[in-house]
Amino acid sequence: MIVRDRPRGLQLFYILRGSILPRIAAELATCTGVALLVTLTHGFVYQWKITLTAVPFSLMGLALAIFLGFRNSTAYDRYWEGRRLWGDLVHRSRSFARQVQTLLRFDAAVGPGDARDPRRLMILRTVAFSSCLRHQLRGSDAAADLARLLPHDEAQACAAARRPVDWLLRRNGEELGALLRAGRVDAPVAAEMDQSLSGMAAVAAGCERIRNTPIPFPYTLLLHRTAWLYCFLLPFGLVDTVRFMTPFVVAIVAYTFFGLDALGDEIEEPFGTAENHLALDALCREIEINLREALGETELPPPLEPVDARLS
């Protein structure tokens, strides 16, 4: 995620960090090169003069704008839903930690910072849940985070599970059930705490739905084909009117169309590691800081800060 102040004045034209320009440089160079060639030949292909009016470009531009608007709106909806789901996970993690500490009955001699206290392990499993979900969505290995947060046997069992996020929720559910049977928590309170676990499961399911269900491919294919066709034909419609400015106009139009298309591609899958994806590392660190602080720890990991305006 790019975190920086809005650039002013000429800064707008020089900033590359977070810009979509590097991703579309090849397309932009190709379209501008074609426009330059058409300008130098005055629209002739061999001995035939190709002349186009503004009518086909108006019709094609309208269709292209509709497709771009639909696709980018859909892509941003997926991005924003992903952020809302992770915001919900932050809320539910804090709530579950509070419930574990304040609603479970234990002897005063066993404090929440004691390694023997089941409450500590339940909270650390919640921290591990957010890290496992991040790794699952990004296709990376969660073993290092599990080994850092959980006892050795649990870390190994969780890493070996087919779905580590579900394994962690089941273990917390089993722990909660054991505490209920032991009389450490009342049934209505246990049901409320189970709702927090169910809410975390719903967050994971929502993220998986976004991750595993891309925008239908025909929309993407049609948009790419229409954009390329429009930008290739545009110089023939401009060369007789704007003449030597044709490559510049085509470059601006191509930057707009291909840039919006590439931006939609990038935010369609919001959980990756690209510059404009969600800062899942920072969100997981925030959850870990909150829950370790709730355990009474004083040596907390520092919040992640942007590096070169990029927050991972």
Protein backbone atom coordinates (compact mmCIF):
# COMPACT_ATOMS: atom_id res chain seq x y z
CA MET A 1 0.00 0.00 0.00
CA ILE A 2 1.34 3.44 -0.93
CA VAL A 3 1.25 5.88 2.00
CA ARG A 4 2.29 9.42 1.12
CA ASP A 5 0.99 12.96 0.92
CA ARG A 6 -0.79 13.99 -2.23
CA PRO A 7 1.84 15.38 -4.63
CA ARG A 8 1.50 18.96 -5.78
CA GLY A 9 2.39 20.81 -8.93
CA LEU A 10 5.05 19.28 -11.13
CA GLN A 11 5.61 16.44 -8.62
CA LEU A 12 2.62 14.76 -10.22
CA PHE A 13 4.65 14.08 -13.36
CA TYR A 14 7.79 12.67 -11.72
CA ILE A 15 6.51 10.22 -9.10
CA LEU A 16 6.97 6.57 -10.07
CA ARG A 17 6.55 4.87 -6.67
CA GLY A 18 2.93 3.74 -6.70
CA SER A 19 2.38 4.84 -10.30
CA ILE A 20 0.88 2.43 -12.80
CA LEU A 21 3.21 3.75 -15.52
CA PRO A 22 5.95 1.07 -15.15
CA ARG A 23 3.37 -1.66 -15.67
CA ILE A 24 2.03 -0.19 -18.91
CA ALA A 25 5.31 1.14 -20.35
CA ALA A 26 5.44 -1.52 -23.08
CA GLU A 27 1.84 -0.94 -24.20
CA LEU A 28 2.33 2.82 -24.12
CA ALA A 29 5.53 2.63 -26.17
CA THR A 30 3.90 0.32 -28.73
CA CYS A 31 0.87 2.57 -29.27
CA THR A 32 3.00 5.71 -29.44
CA GLY A 33 5.35 4.03 -31.92
CA VAL A 34 2.45 3.06 -34.17
CA ALA A 35 1.10 6.62 -33.96
CA LEU A 36 4.52 8.01 -34.88
CA LEU A 37 4.75 5.69 -37.88
CA VAL A 38 1.26 6.69 -39.05
CA THR A 39 2.21 10.37 -38.66
CA LEU A 40 5.38 9.96 -40.72
CA THR A 41 3.48 8.16 -43.52
CA HIS A 42 0.49 10.56 -43.29
CA GLY A 43 -1.88 7.62 -42.85
CA PHE A 44 -0.76 5.69 -45.93
CA VAL A 45 -0.36 1.92 -45.79
CA TYR A 46 1.57 1.12 -48.95
CA GLN A 47 -0.41 3.07 -51.60
CA TRP A 48 -3.71 3.16 -49.71
CA LYS A 49 -4.73 6.15 -47.65
CA ILE A 50 -6.68 5.13 -44.53
CA THR A 51 -9.03 7.88 -43.44
CA LEU A 52 -11.29 7.57 -40.39
CA THR A 53 -13.77 10.06 -39.00
CA ALA A 54 -14.58 10.77 -35.36
CA VAL A 55 -17.78 8.67 -35.46
CA PRO A 56 -16.27 5.18 -34.93
CA PHE A 57 -14.02 6.49 -32.14
CA SER A 58 -16.98 8.09 -30.38
CA LEU A 59 -18.88 4.80 -30.47
CA MET A 60 -15.88 2.69 -29.47
CA GLY A 61 -14.85 5.19 -26.79
CA LEU A 62 -18.32 5.05 -25.24
CA ALA A 63 -18.25 1.25 -25.10
CA LEU A 64 -14.72 1.24 -23.74
CA ALA A 65 -15.60 3.78 -21.05
CA ILE A 66 -18.55 1.62 -19.95
CA PHE A 67 -16.38 -1.49 -19.71
CA LEU A 68 -13.60 0.36 -17.87
CA GLY A 69 -16.07 1.91 -15.44
CA PHE A 70 -17.71 -1.44 -14.71
CA ARG A 71 -14.46 -3.33 -14.28
CA ASN A 72 -12.73 -0.71 -12.14
CA SER A 73 -15.80 -0.30 -9.96
CA THR A 74 -15.97 -4.05 -9.47
CA ALA A 75 -12.23 -4.28 -8.76
CA TYR A 76 -12.40 -1.47 -6.17
CA ASP A 77 -15.42 -3.10 -4.51
CA ARG A 78 -13.31 -6.25 -4.06
CA TYR A 79 -10.40 -4.17 -2.69
CA TRP A 80 -12.61 -2.30 -0.25
CA GLU A 81 -14.40 -5.46 0.87
CA GLY A 82 -11.03 -7.05 1.59
CA ARG A 83 -10.06 -4.05 3.72
CA ARG A 84 -13.38 -4.18 5.57
CA LEU A 85 -12.90 -7.87 6.30
CA TRP A 86 -9.45 -7.26 7.76
CA GLY A 87 -10.79 -4.35 9.78
CA ASP A 88 -13.42 -6.73 11.15
CA LEU A 89 -10.66 -9.20 12.02
CA VAL A 90 -8.82 -6.50 14.01
CA HIS A 91 -12.04 -5.76 15.91
CA ARG A 92 -12.91 -9.39 16.60
CA SER A 93 -9.36 -10.24 17.69
CA ARG A 94 -9.38 -7.44 20.24
CA SER A 95 -12.84 -8.42 21.43
CA PHE A 96 -11.91 -12.08 21.82
CA ALA A 97 -8.77 -11.19 23.80
CA ARG A 98 -10.84 -8.99 26.11
CA GLN A 99 -13.43 -11.73 26.58
CA VAL A 100 -10.75 -14.33 27.31
CA GLN A 101 -9.14 -12.15 29.96
CA THR A 102 -12.21 -10.74 31.67
CA LEU A 103 -14.85 -13.46 31.42
CA LEU A 104 -12.93 -16.64 32.21
CA ARG A 105 -12.56 -17.59 35.88
CA PHE A 106 -9.10 -18.57 37.11
CA ASP A 107 -7.24 -18.49 40.39
CA ALA A 108 -5.62 -15.16 41.18
CA ALA A 109 -2.26 -16.95 41.43
CA VAL A 110 -2.38 -17.69 37.70
CA GLY A 111 -2.05 -14.41 35.85
CA PRO A 112 -2.69 -13.88 32.11
CA GLY A 113 1.07 -13.52 31.58
CA ASP A 114 1.79 -16.93 33.09
CA ALA A 115 2.82 -19.55 30.54
CA ARG A 116 0.62 -22.07 32.37
CA ASP A 117 -2.48 -19.97 31.80
CA PRO A 118 -4.69 -21.33 28.97
CA ARG A 119 -5.85 -17.78 28.35
CA ARG A 120 -2.40 -16.82 27.10
CA LEU A 121 -2.34 -19.66 24.59
CA MET A 122 -5.85 -18.81 23.33
CA ILE A 123 -4.77 -15.22 22.68
CA LEU A 124 -1.55 -16.25 20.97
CA ARG A 125 -3.53 -18.62 18.75
CA THR A 126 -5.60 -15.61 17.71
CA VAL A 127 -2.42 -13.74 16.78
CA ALA A 128 -1.27 -16.81 14.83
CA PHE A 129 -4.66 -16.94 13.08
CA SER A 130 -4.15 -13.52 11.47
CA SER A 131 -0.62 -14.44 10.36
CA CYS A 132 -1.78 -17.77 8.93
CA LEU A 133 -4.59 -16.07 7.03
CA ARG A 134 -2.12 -13.59 5.54
CA HIS A 135 0.20 -16.38 4.44
CA GLN A 136 -2.69 -18.39 3.01
CA LEU A 137 -3.92 -15.46 0.93
CA ARG A 138 -0.41 -14.72 -0.34
CA GLY A 139 0.59 -18.33 -0.92
CA SER A 140 3.57 -18.11 1.46
CA ASP A 141 4.81 -20.33 4.29
CA ALA A 142 3.51 -19.63 7.80
CA ALA A 143 5.91 -22.02 9.58
CA ALA A 144 8.23 -19.28 10.91
CA ASP A 145 5.37 -17.27 12.43
CA LEU A 146 3.80 -20.38 13.94
CA ALA A 147 7.10 -21.41 15.54
CA ARG A 148 7.47 -17.90 16.98
CA LEU A 149 3.97 -17.71 18.45
CA LEU A 150 2.97 -21.24 19.49
CA PRO A 151 4.48 -24.12 21.48
CA HIS A 152 6.55 -26.49 19.38
CA ASP A 153 3.98 -29.31 19.23
CA GLU A 154 1.12 -26.99 18.31
CA ALA A 155 3.21 -25.16 15.72
CA GLN A 156 4.07 -28.42 14.01
CA ALA A 157 0.49 -29.72 14.10
CA CYS A 158 -0.87 -26.45 12.74
CA ALA A 159 1.72 -26.28 9.94
CA ALA A 160 0.86 -29.85 8.94
CA ALA A 161 -2.88 -29.15 8.80
CA ARG A 162 -4.52 -28.72 5.40
CA ARG A 163 -6.12 -25.46 6.56
CA PRO A 164 -4.10 -23.93 9.43
CA VAL A 165 -6.60 -21.09 10.00
CA ASP A 166 -9.41 -23.58 10.66
CA TRP A 167 -7.11 -25.68 12.86
CA LEU A 168 -6.38 -22.70 15.10
CA LEU A 169 -10.06 -21.82 15.46
CA ARG A 170 -10.91 -25.44 16.28
CA ARG A 171 -8.22 -25.54 18.98
CA ASN A 172 -9.57 -22.36 20.55
CA GLY A 173 -13.08 -23.79 20.32
CA GLU A 174 -11.97 -27.03 21.99
CA GLU A 175 -10.24 -25.01 24.72
CA LEU A 176 -13.38 -22.96 25.25
CA GLY A 177 -15.49 -26.12 25.47
CA ALA A 178 -13.13 -27.62 28.05
CA LEU A 179 -13.31 -24.46 30.15
CA LEU A 180 -17.11 -24.54 29.93
CA ARG A 181 -17.22 -28.13 31.16
CA ALA A 182 -14.78 -27.27 33.95
CA GLY A 183 -17.02 -24.44 35.16
CA ARG A 184 -14.51 -21.71 34.28
CA VAL A 185 -17.05 -19.88 32.13
CA ASP A 186 -20.85 -19.61 32.08
CA ALA A 187 -22.76 -21.02 29.11
CA PRO A 188 -24.13 -17.64 27.83
CA VAL A 189 -20.64 -16.14 28.01
CA ALA A 190 -19.16 -19.16 26.19
CA ALA A 191 -21.77 -18.75 23.44
CA GLU A 192 -20.81 -15.07 23.06
CA MET A 193 -17.12 -15.97 22.83
CA ASP A 194 -17.92 -18.65 20.27
CA GLN A 195 -19.60 -15.93 18.20
CA SER A 196 -16.26 -14.12 18.11
CA LEU A 197 -14.59 -17.28 16.80
CA SER A 198 -17.36 -17.68 14.23
CA GLY A 199 -16.83 -14.07 13.16
CA MET A 200 -13.14 -14.76 12.54
CA ALA A 201 -14.10 -17.84 10.51
CA ALA A 202 -16.45 -15.63 8.46
CA VAL A 203 -13.60 -13.18 7.79
CA ALA A 204 -11.41 -16.02 6.51
CA ALA A 205 -14.21 -17.34 4.31
CA GLY A 206 -14.85 -13.86 2.87
CA CYS A 207 -11.17 -13.36 2.04
CA GLU A 208 -11.03 -16.80 0.41
CA ARG A 209 -14.08 -15.94 -1.68
CA ILE A 210 -12.37 -12.82 -3.03
CA ARG A 211 -9.07 -14.66 -3.52
CA ASN A 212 -10.55 -17.65 -5.35
CA THR A 213 -13.21 -15.90 -7.48
CA PRO A 214 -11.68 -13.55 -10.06
CA ILE A 215 -13.67 -11.20 -12.25
CA PRO A 216 -15.00 -13.30 -15.19
CA PHE A 217 -12.29 -13.59 -17.83
CA PRO A 218 -14.48 -12.53 -20.82
CA TYR A 219 -14.76 -9.01 -19.34
CA THR A 220 -10.99 -8.71 -19.10
CA LEU A 221 -10.44 -10.14 -22.57
CA LEU A 222 -13.02 -7.89 -24.21
CA LEU A 223 -11.59 -4.83 -22.46
CA HIS A 224 -8.01 -5.61 -23.54
CA ARG A 225 -9.00 -6.24 -27.16
CA THR A 226 -11.12 -3.10 -27.39
CA ALA A 227 -8.41 -0.90 -25.84
CA TRP A 228 -5.73 -2.21 -28.21
CA LEU A 229 -7.99 -1.84 -31.25
CA TYR A 230 -8.98 1.69 -30.27
CA CYS A 231 -5.39 2.86 -29.72
CA PHE A 232 -4.13 1.24 -32.94
CA LEU A 233 -6.82 2.87 -35.09
CA LEU A 234 -6.84 6.25 -33.35
CA PRO A 235 -3.81 7.68 -35.23
CA PHE A 236 -5.58 7.22 -38.58
CA GLY A 237 -8.46 9.35 -37.31
CA LEU A 238 -6.21 12.08 -35.92
CA VAL A 239 -3.35 12.45 -38.40
CA ASP A 240 -5.26 14.66 -40.86
CA THR A 241 -6.42 17.06 -38.13
CA VAL A 242 -3.77 17.23 -35.39
CA ARG A 243 -0.86 16.16 -37.65
CA PHE A 244 2.49 16.08 -35.77
CA MET A 245 0.67 16.10 -32.40
CA THR A 246 -0.88 12.70 -33.18
CA PRO A 247 1.68 10.64 -31.19
CA PHE A 248 1.22 12.88 -28.14
CA VAL A 249 -2.56 12.61 -28.20
CA VAL A 250 -2.42 8.86 -28.71
CA ALA A 251 0.06 8.52 -25.84
CA ILE A 252 -2.29 10.38 -23.49
CA VAL A 253 -5.31 8.30 -24.54
CA ALA A 254 -3.34 5.05 -24.28
CA TYR A 255 -2.03 6.03 -20.84
CA THR A 256 -5.58 6.61 -19.64
CA PHE A 257 -7.10 3.43 -21.05
CA PHE A 258 -4.24 1.03 -20.33
CA GLY A 259 -3.57 2.66 -16.95
CA LEU A 260 -7.15 2.17 -15.77
CA ASP A 261 -7.08 -1.37 -17.10
CA ALA A 262 -3.81 -2.20 -15.30
CA LEU A 263 -5.00 -0.58 -12.08
CA GLY A 264 -8.13 -2.72 -12.17
CA ASP A 265 -5.94 -5.80 -12.66
CA GLU A 266 -3.84 -4.88 -9.63
CA ILE A 267 -6.56 -4.13 -7.08
CA GLU A 268 -8.80 -6.96 -8.28
CA GLU A 269 -6.68 -9.26 -6.09
CA PRO A 270 -6.05 -7.06 -3.00
CA PHE A 271 -4.14 -9.54 -0.82
CA GLY A 272 -0.86 -9.78 -2.75
CA THR A 273 2.44 -7.97 -2.30
CA ALA A 274 2.26 -5.35 -5.05
CA GLU A 275 2.57 -1.67 -4.20
CA ASN A 276 -1.17 -1.00 -4.32
CA HIS A 277 -2.27 -4.10 -2.43
CA LEU A 278 -3.48 -4.12 1.17
CA ALA A 279 -0.86 -3.76 3.89
CA LEU A 280 -1.52 -7.15 5.50
CA ASP A 281 1.89 -7.27 7.23
CA ALA A 282 1.09 -4.00 9.02
CA LEU A 283 -2.40 -5.20 9.97
CA CYS A 284 -1.04 -8.46 11.39
CA ARG A 285 1.61 -6.54 13.35
CA GLU A 286 -1.10 -4.26 14.75
CA ILE A 287 -3.13 -7.26 15.91
CA GLU A 288 -0.04 -8.79 17.52
CA ILE A 289 0.82 -5.54 19.33
CA ASN A 290 -2.75 -5.15 20.63
CA LEU A 291 -3.04 -8.72 21.87
CA ARG A 292 0.44 -8.89 23.41
CA GLU A 293 -0.29 -5.65 25.21
CA ALA A 294 -3.53 -7.20 26.46
CA LEU A 295 -1.42 -10.04 27.89
CA GLY A 296 0.52 -7.51 29.92
CA GLU A 297 3.74 -7.72 27.91
CA THR A 298 5.90 -4.61 27.87
CA GLU A 299 8.43 -5.53 25.16
CA LEU A 300 6.17 -5.16 22.16
CA PRO A 301 7.16 -5.38 18.48
CA PRO A 302 7.21 -1.95 16.83
CA PRO A 303 4.47 -1.00 14.34
CA LEU A 304 5.51 -1.33 10.72
CA GLU A 305 6.32 1.97 9.05
CA PRO A 306 6.28 2.82 5.34
CA VAL A 307 9.58 2.31 3.52
CA ASP A 308 9.97 4.62 0.51
CA ALA A 309 6.26 5.44 0.86
CA ARG A 310 5.32 1.72 0.70
CA LEU A 311 3.64 -0.08 3.61
CA SER A 312 3.62 -3.85 3.18
